[in-house]
Amino acid sequence: MSPSSAGRSLVQPRIILAMGRFAVQSLLGTQEPIGKLRGRLHQYEGMPVVVTYHPAYLLRNLPDKAKAWADLCLALDSTLPNA
């Protein structure tokens, strides 16, 4: 069991929010740009993953804040009953 698996079993999250390129590449094992991965659910070891931009990126690119908000709404909607 990896350290991240042990931590997830203790916390038991309903969803993972991957924020930024490094988190996305580490979790999903892909080199795809975040812009192509965001907007849909992915899976990591059976856990739903939502991809979004890193907060530091959003400070430099204010127009993308609306896209990040949509990603957060997707994450929330996917955790609600009947989602």
PDB file of N, CA and C in Angstrom:
ATOM      1  N   MET A   1       0.853  -1.179   0.000  1.00  0.00           N
ATOM      2  CA  MET A   1       0.000   0.000   0.000  1.00  0.00           C
ATOM      3  C   MET A   1       0.896   1.237   0.000  1.00  0.00           C
ATOM      4  N   SER A   2       0.680   2.147  -0.960  1.00  0.00           N
ATOM      5  CA  SER A   2       1.480   3.363  -1.033  1.00  0.00           C
ATOM      6  C   SER A   2       1.046   4.342   0.055  1.00  0.00           C
ATOM      7  N   PRO A   3       1.921   5.293   0.403  1.00  0.00           N
ATOM      8  CA  PRO A   3       1.533   6.273   1.433  1.00  0.00           C
ATOM      9  C   PRO A   3       0.263   7.036   1.054  1.00  0.00           C
ATOM     10  N   SER A   4       0.094   7.344  -0.240  1.00  0.00           N
ATOM     11  CA  SER A   4      -1.111   8.076  -0.638  1.00  0.00           C
ATOM     12  C   SER A   4      -2.354   7.197  -0.501  1.00  0.00           C
ATOM     13  N   SER A   5      -2.233   5.905  -0.748  1.00  0.00           N
ATOM     14  CA  SER A   5      -3.363   4.997  -0.570  1.00  0.00           C
ATOM     15  C   SER A   5      -3.733   4.873   0.895  1.00  0.00           C
ATOM     16  N   ALA A   6      -2.728   4.831   1.758  1.00  0.00           N
ATOM     17  CA  ALA A   6      -2.989   4.741   3.192  1.00  0.00           C
ATOM     18  C   ALA A   6      -3.709   5.987   3.680  1.00  0.00           C
ATOM     19  N   GLY A   7      -3.283   7.148   3.194  1.00  0.00           N
ATOM     20  CA  GLY A   7      -3.930   8.395   3.587  1.00  0.00           C
ATOM     21  C   GLY A   7      -5.361   8.471   3.103  1.00  0.00           C
ATOM     22  N   ARG A   8      -5.608   8.033   1.873  1.00  0.00           N
ATOM     23  CA  ARG A   8      -6.974   8.048   1.331  1.00  0.00           C
ATOM     24  C   ARG A   8      -7.882   7.110   2.112  1.00  0.00           C
ATOM     25  N   SER A   9      -7.361   5.962   2.544  1.00  0.00           N
ATOM     26  CA  SER A   9      -8.216   5.033   3.284  1.00  0.00           C
ATOM     27  C   SER A   9      -8.589   5.604   4.643  1.00  0.00           C
ATOM     28  N   LEU A  10      -7.729   6.435   5.227  1.00  0.00           N
ATOM     29  CA  LEU A  10      -8.052   7.070   6.504  1.00  0.00           C
ATOM     30  C   LEU A  10      -9.068   8.199   6.328  1.00  0.00           C
ATOM     31  N   VAL A  11      -8.900   9.004   5.291  1.00  0.00           N
ATOM     32  CA  VAL A  11      -9.750  10.168   5.076  1.00  0.00           C
ATOM     33  C   VAL A  11     -11.047   9.794   4.372  1.00  0.00           C
ATOM     34  N   GLN A  12     -11.008   8.859   3.459  1.00  0.00           N
ATOM     35  CA  GLN A  12     -12.152   8.404   2.668  1.00  0.00           C
ATOM     36  C   GLN A  12     -12.852   9.552   1.929  1.00  0.00           C
ATOM     37  N   PRO A  13     -12.114  10.260   1.055  1.00  0.00           N
ATOM     38  CA  PRO A  13     -12.726  11.369   0.315  1.00  0.00           C
ATOM     39  C   PRO A  13     -13.730  10.858  -0.716  1.00  0.00           C
ATOM     40  N   ARG A  14     -14.690  11.703  -1.053  1.00  0.00           N
ATOM     41  CA  ARG A  14     -15.662  11.356  -2.088  1.00  0.00           C
ATOM     42  C   ARG A  14     -15.150  11.734  -3.465  1.00  0.00           C
ATOM     43  N   ILE A  15     -14.182  12.664  -3.519  1.00  0.00           N
ATOM     44  CA  ILE A  15     -13.641  13.128  -4.792  1.00  0.00           C
ATOM     45  C   ILE A  15     -12.250  13.696  -4.555  1.00  0.00           C
ATOM     46  N   ILE A  16     -11.431  13.688  -5.605  1.00  0.00           N
ATOM     47  CA  ILE A  16     -10.104  14.305  -5.565  1.00  0.00           C
ATOM     48  C   ILE A  16     -10.129  15.485  -6.526  1.00  0.00           C
ATOM     49  N   LEU A  17      -9.676  16.647  -6.067  1.00  0.00           N
ATOM     50  CA  LEU A  17      -9.551  17.825  -6.915  1.00  0.00           C
ATOM     51  C   LEU A  17      -8.074  18.001  -7.219  1.00  0.00           C
ATOM     52  N   ALA A  18      -7.688  17.715  -8.453  1.00  0.00           N
ATOM     53  CA  ALA A  18      -6.292  17.830  -8.877  1.00  0.00           C
ATOM     54  C   ALA A  18      -6.065  19.250  -9.396  1.00  0.00           C
ATOM     55  N   MET A  19      -5.266  20.006  -8.669  1.00  0.00           N
ATOM     56  CA  MET A  19      -5.052  21.419  -8.995  1.00  0.00           C
ATOM     57  C   MET A  19      -3.634  21.623  -9.513  1.00  0.00           C
ATOM     58  N   GLY A  20      -3.521  21.831 -10.809  1.00  0.00           N
ATOM     59  CA  GLY A  20      -2.226  22.115 -11.400  1.00  0.00           C
ATOM     60  C   GLY A  20      -1.628  20.936 -12.139  1.00  0.00           C
ATOM     61  N   ARG A  21      -0.658  21.255 -12.976  1.00  0.00           N
ATOM     62  CA  ARG A  21      -0.045  20.280 -13.882  1.00  0.00           C
ATOM     63  C   ARG A  21       0.613  19.124 -13.134  1.00  0.00           C
ATOM     64  N   PHE A  22       1.384  19.433 -12.085  1.00  0.00           N
ATOM     65  CA  PHE A  22       2.093  18.367 -11.381  1.00  0.00           C
ATOM     66  C   PHE A  22       1.126  17.378 -10.741  1.00  0.00           C
ATOM     67  N   ALA A  23       0.077  17.885 -10.095  1.00  0.00           N
ATOM     68  CA  ALA A  23      -0.911  16.999  -9.461  1.00  0.00           C
ATOM     69  C   ALA A  23      -1.613  16.146 -10.506  1.00  0.00           C
ATOM     70  N   VAL A  24      -1.984  16.759 -11.610  1.00  0.00           N
ATOM     71  CA  VAL A  24      -2.697  16.037 -12.669  1.00  0.00           C
ATOM     72  C   VAL A  24      -1.809  14.954 -13.273  1.00  0.00           C
ATOM     73  N   GLN A  25      -0.567  15.315 -13.596  1.00  0.00           N
ATOM     74  CA  GLN A  25       0.344  14.341 -14.195  1.00  0.00           C
ATOM     75  C   GLN A  25       0.644  13.206 -13.234  1.00  0.00           C
ATOM     76  N   SER A  26       0.789  13.503 -11.956  1.00  0.00           N
ATOM     77  CA  SER A  26       1.086  12.468 -10.963  1.00  0.00           C
ATOM     78  C   SER A  26      -0.085  11.513 -10.775  1.00  0.00           C
ATOM     79  N   LEU A  27      -1.286  12.058 -10.666  1.00  0.00           N
ATOM     80  CA  LEU A  27      -2.460  11.217 -10.413  1.00  0.00           C
ATOM     81  C   LEU A  27      -2.907  10.445 -11.645  1.00  0.00           C
ATOM     82  N   LEU A  28      -2.974  11.125 -12.775  1.00  0.00           N
ATOM     83  CA  LEU A  28      -3.558  10.513 -13.969  1.00  0.00           C
ATOM     84  C   LEU A  28      -2.518   9.901 -14.899  1.00  0.00           C
ATOM     85  N   GLY A  29      -1.247  10.187 -14.673  1.00  0.00           N
ATOM     86  CA  GLY A  29      -0.196   9.605 -15.495  1.00  0.00           C
ATOM     87  C   GLY A  29      -0.297  10.028 -16.951  1.00  0.00           C
ATOM     88  N   THR A  30      -0.584  11.297 -17.188  1.00  0.00           N
ATOM     89  CA  THR A  30      -0.742  11.793 -18.551  1.00  0.00           C
ATOM     90  C   THR A  30       0.055  13.073 -18.739  1.00  0.00           C
ATOM     91  N   GLN A  31       0.395  13.358 -19.968  1.00  0.00           N
ATOM     92  CA  GLN A  31       1.079  14.605 -20.313  1.00  0.00           C
ATOM     93  C   GLN A  31       0.129  15.589 -21.004  1.00  0.00           C
ATOM     94  N   GLU A  32      -1.153  15.229 -21.069  1.00  0.00           N
ATOM     95  CA  GLU A  32      -2.142  16.103 -21.703  1.00  0.00           C
ATOM     96  C   GLU A  32      -2.210  17.434 -20.959  1.00  0.00           C
ATOM     97  N   PRO A  33      -2.440  18.524 -21.686  1.00  0.00           N
ATOM     98  CA  PRO A  33      -2.597  19.821 -21.016  1.00  0.00           C
ATOM     99  C   PRO A  33      -3.870  19.851 -20.168  1.00  0.00           C
ATOM    100  N   ILE A  34      -3.827  20.635 -19.109  1.00  0.00           N
ATOM    101  CA  ILE A  34      -4.981  20.737 -18.214  1.00  0.00           C
ATOM    102  C   ILE A  34      -6.214  21.203 -18.977  1.00  0.00           C
ATOM    103  N   GLY A  35      -6.040  22.111 -19.909  1.00  0.00           N
ATOM    104  CA  GLY A  35      -7.175  22.615 -20.681  1.00  0.00           C
ATOM    105  C   GLY A  35      -7.942  21.529 -21.407  1.00  0.00           C
ATOM    106  N   LYS A  36      -7.267  20.470 -21.801  1.00  0.00           N
ATOM    107  CA  LYS A  36      -7.940  19.355 -22.482  1.00  0.00           C
ATOM    108  C   LYS A  36      -8.531  18.340 -21.509  1.00  0.00           C
ATOM    109  N   LEU A  37      -8.064  18.329 -20.271  1.00  0.00           N
ATOM    110  CA  LEU A  37      -8.519  17.341 -19.288  1.00  0.00           C
ATOM    111  C   LEU A  37      -9.653  17.851 -18.408  1.00  0.00           C
ATOM    112  N   ARG A  38      -9.764  19.161 -18.287  1.00  0.00           N
ATOM    113  CA  ARG A  38     -10.763  19.715 -17.371  1.00  0.00           C
ATOM    114  C   ARG A  38     -12.155  19.615 -17.994  1.00  0.00           C
ATOM    115  N   GLY A  39     -13.177  19.739 -17.134  1.00  0.00           N
ATOM    116  CA  GLY A  39     -14.549  19.731 -17.616  1.00  0.00           C
ATOM    117  C   GLY A  39     -15.218  18.364 -17.612  1.00  0.00           C
ATOM    118  N   ARG A  40     -14.508  17.339 -17.168  1.00  0.00           N
ATOM    119  CA  ARG A  40     -15.099  15.996 -17.075  1.00  0.00           C
ATOM    120  C   ARG A  40     -14.442  15.235 -15.924  1.00  0.00           C
ATOM    121  N   LEU A  41     -15.118  14.179 -15.504  1.00  0.00           N
ATOM    122  CA  LEU A  41     -14.590  13.359 -14.412  1.00  0.00           C
ATOM    123  C   LEU A  41     -13.571  12.356 -14.939  1.00  0.00           C
ATOM    124  N   HIS A  42     -12.530  12.141 -14.168  1.00  0.00           N
ATOM    125  CA  HIS A  42     -11.519  11.122 -14.448  1.00  0.00           C
ATOM    126  C   HIS A  42     -11.537  10.153 -13.266  1.00  0.00           C
ATOM    127  N   GLN A  43     -10.767   9.097 -13.350  1.00  0.00           N
ATOM    128  CA  GLN A  43     -10.702   8.110 -12.268  1.00  0.00           C
ATOM    129  C   GLN A  43      -9.250   7.898 -11.848  1.00  0.00           C
ATOM    130  N   TYR A  44      -9.044   7.767 -10.542  1.00  0.00           N
ATOM    131  CA  TYR A  44      -7.757   7.392  -9.981  1.00  0.00           C
ATOM    132  C   TYR A  44      -8.022   6.356  -8.908  1.00  0.00           C
ATOM    133  N   GLU A  45      -7.627   5.132  -9.163  1.00  0.00           N
ATOM    134  CA  GLU A  45      -7.842   4.017  -8.237  1.00  0.00           C
ATOM    135  C   GLU A  45      -9.301   3.958  -7.767  1.00  0.00           C
ATOM    136  N   GLY A  46     -10.216   4.122  -8.710  1.00  0.00           N
ATOM    137  CA  GLY A  46     -11.638   4.033  -8.423  1.00  0.00           C
ATOM    138  C   GLY A  46     -12.249   5.286  -7.811  1.00  0.00           C
ATOM    139  N   MET A  47     -11.458   6.317  -7.642  1.00  0.00           N
ATOM    140  CA  MET A  47     -11.917   7.566  -7.037  1.00  0.00           C
ATOM    141  C   MET A  47     -12.112   8.608  -8.139  1.00  0.00           C
ATOM    142  N   PRO A  48     -13.252   9.324  -8.126  1.00  0.00           N
ATOM    143  CA  PRO A  48     -13.439  10.365  -9.134  1.00  0.00           C
ATOM    144  C   PRO A  48     -12.458  11.517  -8.934  1.00  0.00           C
ATOM    145  N   VAL A  49     -11.939  12.031 -10.046  1.00  0.00           N
ATOM    146  CA  VAL A  49     -10.971  13.129 -10.033  1.00  0.00           C
ATOM    147  C   VAL A  49     -11.478  14.238 -10.944  1.00  0.00           C
ATOM    148  N   VAL A  50     -11.455  15.467 -10.439  1.00  0.00           N
ATOM    149  CA  VAL A  50     -11.753  16.649 -11.248  1.00  0.00           C
ATOM    150  C   VAL A  50     -10.448  17.419 -11.399  1.00  0.00           C
ATOM    151  N   VAL A  51     -10.138  17.806 -12.625  1.00  0.00           N
ATOM    152  CA  VAL A  51      -8.912  18.528 -12.955  1.00  0.00           C
ATOM    153  C   VAL A  51      -9.228  20.014 -13.060  1.00  0.00           C
ATOM    154  N   THR A  52      -8.373  20.842 -12.468  1.00  0.00           N
ATOM    155  CA  THR A  52      -8.518  22.288 -12.602  1.00  0.00           C
ATOM    156  C   THR A  52      -7.145  22.955 -12.515  1.00  0.00           C
ATOM    157  N   TYR A  53      -7.149  24.255 -12.705  1.00  0.00           N
ATOM    158  CA  TYR A  53      -5.917  25.028 -12.716  1.00  0.00           C
ATOM    159  C   TYR A  53      -5.389  25.267 -11.300  1.00  0.00           C
ATOM    160  N   HIS A  54      -4.079  25.438 -11.195  1.00  0.00           N
ATOM    161  CA  HIS A  54      -3.439  25.747  -9.917  1.00  0.00           C
ATOM    162  C   HIS A  54      -3.792  27.185  -9.522  1.00  0.00           C
ATOM    163  N   PRO A  55      -3.996  27.450  -8.233  1.00  0.00           N
ATOM    164  CA  PRO A  55      -4.340  28.814  -7.810  1.00  0.00           C
ATOM    165  C   PRO A  55      -3.324  29.877  -8.248  1.00  0.00           C
ATOM    166  N   ALA A  56      -2.047  29.559  -8.244  1.00  0.00           N
ATOM    167  CA  ALA A  56      -1.038  30.535  -8.675  1.00  0.00           C
ATOM    168  C   ALA A  56      -1.216  30.889 -10.157  1.00  0.00           C
ATOM    169  N   TYR A  57      -1.581  29.909 -10.963  1.00  0.00           N
ATOM    170  CA  TYR A  57      -1.857  30.163 -12.382  1.00  0.00           C
ATOM    171  C   TYR A  57      -3.038  31.120 -12.510  1.00  0.00           C
ATOM    172  N   LEU A  58      -4.060  30.911 -11.692  1.00  0.00           N
ATOM    173  CA  LEU A  58      -5.257  31.756 -11.773  1.00  0.00           C
ATOM    174  C   LEU A  58      -4.962  33.200 -11.378  1.00  0.00           C
ATOM    175  N   LEU A  59      -4.004  33.419 -10.501  1.00  0.00           N
ATOM    176  CA  LEU A  59      -3.621  34.785 -10.146  1.00  0.00           C
ATOM    177  C   LEU A  59      -2.991  35.518 -11.322  1.00  0.00           C
ATOM    178  N   ARG A  60      -2.338  34.777 -12.198  1.00  0.00           N
ATOM    179  CA  ARG A  60      -1.696  35.368 -13.370  1.00  0.00           C
ATOM    180  C   ARG A  60      -2.621  35.408 -14.588  1.00  0.00           C
ATOM    181  N   ASN A  61      -3.669  34.604 -14.587  1.00  0.00           N
ATOM    182  CA  ASN A  61      -4.566  34.473 -15.737  1.00  0.00           C
ATOM    183  C   ASN A  61      -6.012  34.595 -15.269  1.00  0.00           C
ATOM    184  N   LEU A  62      -6.416  35.796 -14.936  1.00  0.00           N
ATOM    185  CA  LEU A  62      -7.735  36.029 -14.346  1.00  0.00           C
ATOM    186  C   LEU A  62      -8.897  35.523 -15.194  1.00  0.00           C
ATOM    187  N   PRO A  63      -8.852  35.598 -16.523  1.00  0.00           N
ATOM    188  CA  PRO A  63      -9.997  35.099 -17.297  1.00  0.00           C
ATOM    189  C   PRO A  63     -10.285  33.603 -17.086  1.00  0.00           C
ATOM    190  N   ASP A  64      -9.280  32.828 -16.688  1.00  0.00           N
ATOM    191  CA  ASP A  64      -9.491  31.396 -16.485  1.00  0.00           C
ATOM    192  C   ASP A  64     -10.143  31.072 -15.141  1.00  0.00           C
ATOM    193  N   LYS A  65     -10.381  32.088 -14.313  1.00  0.00           N
ATOM    194  CA  LYS A  65     -11.064  31.853 -13.036  1.00  0.00           C
ATOM    195  C   LYS A  65     -12.473  31.310 -13.256  1.00  0.00           C
ATOM    196  N   ALA A  66     -13.133  31.755 -14.317  1.00  0.00           N
ATOM    197  CA  ALA A  66     -14.485  31.253 -14.610  1.00  0.00           C
ATOM    198  C   ALA A  66     -14.437  29.760 -14.923  1.00  0.00           C
ATOM    199  N   LYS A  67     -13.405  29.323 -15.638  1.00  0.00           N
ATOM    200  CA  LYS A  67     -13.259  27.896 -15.947  1.00  0.00           C
ATOM    201  C   LYS A  67     -13.005  27.100 -14.661  1.00  0.00           C
ATOM    202  N   ALA A  68     -12.173  27.657 -13.772  1.00  0.00           N
ATOM    203  CA  ALA A  68     -11.897  26.983 -12.504  1.00  0.00           C
ATOM    204  C   ALA A  68     -13.169  26.888 -11.657  1.00  0.00           C
ATOM    205  N   TRP A  69     -13.993  27.930 -11.694  1.00  0.00           N
ATOM    206  CA  TRP A  69     -15.264  27.897 -10.962  1.00  0.00           C
ATOM    207  C   TRP A  69     -16.153  26.784 -11.510  1.00  0.00           C
ATOM    208  N   ALA A  70     -16.186  26.640 -12.831  1.00  0.00           N
ATOM    209  CA  ALA A  70     -16.974  25.562 -13.448  1.00  0.00           C
ATOM    210  C   ALA A  70     -16.452  24.201 -12.997  1.00  0.00           C
ATOM    211  N   ASP A  71     -15.134  24.071 -12.864  1.00  0.00           N
ATOM    212  CA  ASP A  71     -14.551  22.812 -12.391  1.00  0.00           C
ATOM    213  C   ASP A  71     -14.975  22.522 -10.950  1.00  0.00           C
ATOM    214  N   LEU A  72     -14.983  23.554 -10.111  1.00  0.00           N
ATOM    215  CA  LEU A  72     -15.420  23.373  -8.723  1.00  0.00           C
ATOM    216  C   LEU A  72     -16.894  22.989  -8.655  1.00  0.00           C
ATOM    217  N   CYS A  73     -17.700  23.583  -9.526  1.00  0.00           N
ATOM    218  CA  CYS A  73     -19.124  23.222  -9.580  1.00  0.00           C
ATOM    219  C   CYS A  73     -19.289  21.771 -10.018  1.00  0.00           C
ATOM    220  N   LEU A  74     -18.474  21.325 -10.980  1.00  0.00           N
ATOM    221  CA  LEU A  74     -18.501  19.928 -11.410  1.00  0.00           C
ATOM    222  C   LEU A  74     -18.150  19.007 -10.246  1.00  0.00           C
ATOM    223  N   ALA A  75     -17.132  19.381  -9.476  1.00  0.00           N
ATOM    224  CA  ALA A  75     -16.731  18.569  -8.327  1.00  0.00           C
ATOM    225  C   ALA A  75     -17.862  18.494  -7.304  1.00  0.00           C
ATOM    226  N   LEU A  76     -18.495  19.619  -7.028  1.00  0.00           N
ATOM    227  CA  LEU A  76     -19.608  19.629  -6.076  1.00  0.00           C
ATOM    228  C   LEU A  76     -20.772  18.799  -6.592  1.00  0.00           C
ATOM    229  N   ASP A  77     -21.151  19.007  -7.851  1.00  0.00           N
ATOM    230  CA  ASP A  77     -22.268  18.274  -8.428  1.00  0.00           C
ATOM    231  C   ASP A  77     -22.038  16.767  -8.414  1.00  0.00           C
ATOM    232  N   SER A  78     -20.800  16.356  -8.592  1.00  0.00           N
ATOM    233  CA  SER A  78     -20.509  14.914  -8.644  1.00  0.00           C
ATOM    234  C   SER A  78     -20.551  14.268  -7.264  1.00  0.00           C
ATOM    235  N   THR A  79     -20.524  15.086  -6.201  1.00  0.00           N
ATOM    236  CA  THR A  79     -20.587  14.519  -4.853  1.00  0.00           C
ATOM    237  C   THR A  79     -22.006  14.515  -4.294  1.00  0.00           C
ATOM    238  N   LEU A  80     -22.917  15.212  -4.969  1.00  0.00           N
ATOM    239  CA  LEU A  80     -24.296  15.266  -4.487  1.00  0.00           C
ATOM    240  C   LEU A  80     -25.030  13.964  -4.811  1.00  0.00           C
ATOM    241  N   PRO A  81     -26.025  13.604  -4.012  1.00  0.00           N
ATOM    242  CA  PRO A  81     -26.819  12.402  -4.324  1.00  0.00           C
ATOM    243  C   PRO A  81     -27.487  12.549  -5.698  1.00  0.00           C
ATOM    244  N   ASN A  82     -27.624  11.441  -6.388  1.00  0.00           N
ATOM    245  CA  ASN A  82     -28.218  11.412  -7.729  1.00  0.00           C
ATOM    246  C   ASN A  82     -27.398  12.166  -8.747  1.00  0.00           C
ATOM    247  N   ALA A  83     -26.067  12.270  -8.521  1.00  0.00           N
ATOM    248  CA  ALA A  83     -25.217  12.984  -9.473  1.00  0.00           C
ATOM    249  C   ALA A  83     -24.779  12.042 -10.569  1.00  0.00           C
TER     250      ALA A  83
END
